[in-house]
Amino acid sequence: MMKTLNYQLMAASALVSLFSAMAEASDKPNFVIIFSDDQGYEDVGCFGSPDIELRGPCHIVAYRP
């Protein structure tokens, strides 16, 4: 009985995620929040550090529309 219930719940959650993925994209802007602890302003390569080069944040900083 529990296995059947588990399979039904998995199938239902798969269908919900499928239909939510097919939903139209909203016109709201996208936000990226980067949270790090104990990091200074110049600790990342895009802000001047030769030690740490992070590709993702450096591309975000370089993109200025």
N, C-alpha and C. Protein backbone atom coordinates (compact mmCIF):
# COMPACT_ATOMS: atom_id res chain seq x y z
N MET A 1 0.82 -1.19 0.00
CA MET A 1 0.00 0.00 0.00
C MET A 1 0.87 1.26 0.00
N MET A 2 1.92 1.28 0.85
CA MET A 2 2.78 2.46 0.94
C MET A 2 3.57 2.67 -0.35
N LYS A 3 4.00 1.55 -0.99
CA LYS A 3 4.75 1.69 -2.24
C LYS A 3 3.88 2.31 -3.31
N THR A 4 2.63 1.89 -3.37
CA THR A 4 1.70 2.45 -4.36
C THR A 4 1.48 3.93 -4.10
N LEU A 5 1.33 4.30 -2.85
CA LEU A 5 1.14 5.70 -2.49
C LEU A 5 2.38 6.52 -2.85
N ASN A 6 3.55 5.97 -2.57
CA ASN A 6 4.79 6.67 -2.92
C ASN A 6 4.91 6.87 -4.43
N TYR A 7 4.58 5.85 -5.21
CA TYR A 7 4.64 5.97 -6.67
C TYR A 7 3.63 6.99 -7.18
N GLN A 8 2.46 7.02 -6.57
CA GLN A 8 1.45 7.99 -6.98
C GLN A 8 1.90 9.42 -6.66
N LEU A 9 2.50 9.61 -5.50
CA LEU A 9 3.00 10.93 -5.13
C LEU A 9 4.15 11.36 -6.04
N MET A 10 5.03 10.43 -6.40
CA MET A 10 6.12 10.77 -7.31
C MET A 10 5.59 11.12 -8.69
N ALA A 11 4.61 10.37 -9.17
CA ALA A 11 4.02 10.67 -10.48
C ALA A 11 3.30 12.01 -10.46
N ALA A 12 2.59 12.30 -9.40
CA ALA A 12 1.88 13.58 -9.30
C ALA A 12 2.86 14.74 -9.25
N SER A 13 3.94 14.60 -8.49
CA SER A 13 4.92 15.69 -8.42
C SER A 13 5.65 15.85 -9.75
N ALA A 14 5.87 14.76 -10.48
CA ALA A 14 6.49 14.87 -11.80
C ALA A 14 5.57 15.60 -12.77
N LEU A 15 4.27 15.32 -12.71
CA LEU A 15 3.32 16.01 -13.58
C LEU A 15 3.23 17.49 -13.23
N VAL A 16 3.22 17.80 -11.96
CA VAL A 16 3.16 19.21 -11.55
C VAL A 16 4.40 19.96 -12.03
N SER A 17 5.57 19.35 -11.87
CA SER A 17 6.79 20.03 -12.32
C SER A 17 6.82 20.14 -13.84
N LEU A 18 6.27 19.17 -14.55
CA LEU A 18 6.21 19.24 -16.01
C LEU A 18 5.33 20.38 -16.46
N PHE A 19 4.15 20.51 -15.86
CA PHE A 19 3.24 21.58 -16.26
C PHE A 19 3.73 22.95 -15.82
N SER A 20 4.41 23.02 -14.70
CA SER A 20 4.95 24.32 -14.28
C SER A 20 6.11 24.74 -15.17
N ALA A 21 6.85 23.78 -15.71
CA ALA A 21 7.93 24.11 -16.63
C ALA A 21 7.39 24.60 -17.96
N MET A 22 6.19 24.16 -18.32
CA MET A 22 5.59 24.57 -19.59
C MET A 22 4.86 25.90 -19.48
N ALA A 23 4.74 26.44 -18.29
CA ALA A 23 4.03 27.71 -18.10
C ALA A 23 4.80 28.84 -18.77
N GLU A 24 4.08 29.88 -19.14
CA GLU A 24 4.71 31.01 -19.81
C GLU A 24 5.66 31.74 -18.87
N ALA A 25 6.71 32.27 -19.45
CA ALA A 25 7.66 33.05 -18.67
C ALA A 25 7.05 34.39 -18.33
N SER A 26 7.32 34.85 -17.15
CA SER A 26 6.76 36.14 -16.73
C SER A 26 7.63 37.28 -17.24
N ASP A 27 7.09 38.48 -17.20
CA ASP A 27 7.82 39.66 -17.64
C ASP A 27 8.65 40.26 -16.51
N LYS A 28 8.68 39.63 -15.39
CA LYS A 28 9.44 40.14 -14.26
C LYS A 28 10.94 39.98 -14.53
N PRO A 29 11.75 40.90 -14.06
CA PRO A 29 13.20 40.77 -14.26
C PRO A 29 13.78 39.66 -13.39
N ASN A 30 14.89 39.12 -13.82
CA ASN A 30 15.58 38.08 -13.07
C ASN A 30 16.56 38.72 -12.09
N PHE A 31 16.65 38.16 -10.91
CA PHE A 31 17.58 38.63 -9.90
C PHE A 31 18.49 37.49 -9.49
N VAL A 32 19.76 37.79 -9.32
CA VAL A 32 20.72 36.82 -8.83
C VAL A 32 21.26 37.35 -7.51
N ILE A 33 21.11 36.57 -6.47
CA ILE A 33 21.62 36.96 -5.16
C ILE A 33 22.79 36.03 -4.84
N ILE A 34 23.95 36.62 -4.66
CA ILE A 34 25.14 35.86 -4.32
C ILE A 34 25.49 36.18 -2.87
N PHE A 35 25.51 35.15 -2.05
CA PHE A 35 25.78 35.31 -0.62
C PHE A 35 27.07 34.59 -0.29
N SER A 36 28.04 35.30 0.23
CA SER A 36 29.27 34.66 0.68
C SER A 36 29.67 35.26 2.02
N ASP A 37 30.34 34.47 2.79
CA ASP A 37 30.74 34.89 4.13
C ASP A 37 32.23 35.18 4.14
N ASP A 38 32.61 36.24 4.83
CA ASP A 38 34.01 36.60 5.03
C ASP A 38 34.74 36.84 3.71
N GLN A 39 34.12 37.60 2.85
CA GLN A 39 34.73 37.94 1.56
C GLN A 39 34.81 39.45 1.46
N GLY A 40 35.98 39.95 1.13
CA GLY A 40 36.17 41.38 0.96
C GLY A 40 35.87 41.82 -0.46
N TYR A 41 35.89 43.11 -0.69
CA TYR A 41 35.55 43.67 -1.99
C TYR A 41 36.53 43.23 -3.07
N GLU A 42 37.83 43.18 -2.75
CA GLU A 42 38.83 42.85 -3.76
C GLU A 42 39.27 41.39 -3.71
N ASP A 43 38.46 40.50 -3.16
CA ASP A 43 38.83 39.09 -3.06
C ASP A 43 38.52 38.29 -4.32
N VAL A 44 37.80 38.84 -5.25
CA VAL A 44 37.43 38.15 -6.49
C VAL A 44 38.17 38.80 -7.64
N GLY A 45 38.53 38.00 -8.65
CA GLY A 45 39.34 38.48 -9.76
C GLY A 45 38.76 39.65 -10.51
N CYS A 46 37.46 39.73 -10.66
CA CYS A 46 36.86 40.83 -11.41
C CYS A 46 36.96 42.15 -10.67
N PHE A 47 37.32 42.11 -9.39
CA PHE A 47 37.51 43.33 -8.61
C PHE A 47 38.98 43.60 -8.30
N GLY A 48 39.88 42.85 -8.93
CA GLY A 48 41.30 43.17 -8.80
C GLY A 48 42.18 42.11 -8.17
N SER A 49 41.65 41.02 -7.68
CA SER A 49 42.48 40.00 -7.05
C SER A 49 43.10 39.08 -8.10
N PRO A 50 44.41 38.85 -8.06
CA PRO A 50 45.03 37.91 -8.99
C PRO A 50 44.90 36.47 -8.51
N ASP A 51 44.43 36.25 -7.29
CA ASP A 51 44.41 34.92 -6.70
C ASP A 51 43.15 34.12 -7.03
N ILE A 52 42.00 34.74 -7.01
CA ILE A 52 40.73 34.04 -7.20
C ILE A 52 40.06 34.56 -8.46
N GLU A 53 39.90 33.70 -9.45
CA GLU A 53 39.23 34.07 -10.69
C GLU A 53 37.97 33.22 -10.82
N LEU A 54 36.83 33.82 -10.59
CA LEU A 54 35.55 33.13 -10.69
C LEU A 54 34.87 33.55 -11.98
N ARG A 55 34.59 32.61 -12.84
CA ARG A 55 34.05 32.93 -14.14
C ARG A 55 32.64 33.51 -14.07
N GLY A 56 31.77 32.93 -13.28
CA GLY A 56 30.38 33.38 -13.22
C GLY A 56 30.22 34.80 -12.73
N PRO A 57 30.68 35.13 -11.52
CA PRO A 57 30.52 36.50 -11.04
C PRO A 57 31.25 37.53 -11.89
N CYS A 58 32.37 37.15 -12.48
CA CYS A 58 33.11 38.11 -13.30
C CYS A 58 32.33 38.44 -14.57
N HIS A 59 31.61 37.48 -15.13
CA HIS A 59 30.78 37.76 -16.31
C HIS A 59 29.57 38.60 -15.92
N ILE A 60 29.04 38.39 -14.73
CA ILE A 60 27.91 39.19 -14.28
C ILE A 60 28.33 40.65 -14.11
N VAL A 61 29.51 40.86 -13.54
CA VAL A 61 30.01 42.22 -13.33
C VAL A 61 30.30 42.89 -14.67
N ALA A 62 30.82 42.13 -15.63
CA ALA A 62 31.19 42.70 -16.93
C ALA A 62 29.96 43.07 -17.76
N TYR A 63 28.81 42.45 -17.49
CA TYR A 63 27.59 42.73 -18.26
C TYR A 63 26.93 43.98 -17.73
N ARG A 64 26.95 45.02 -18.51
CA ARG A 64 26.29 46.28 -18.14
C ARG A 64 25.45 46.74 -19.31
N PRO A 65 24.14 46.54 -19.26
CA PRO A 65 23.28 46.93 -20.40
C PRO A 65 23.16 48.42 -20.57
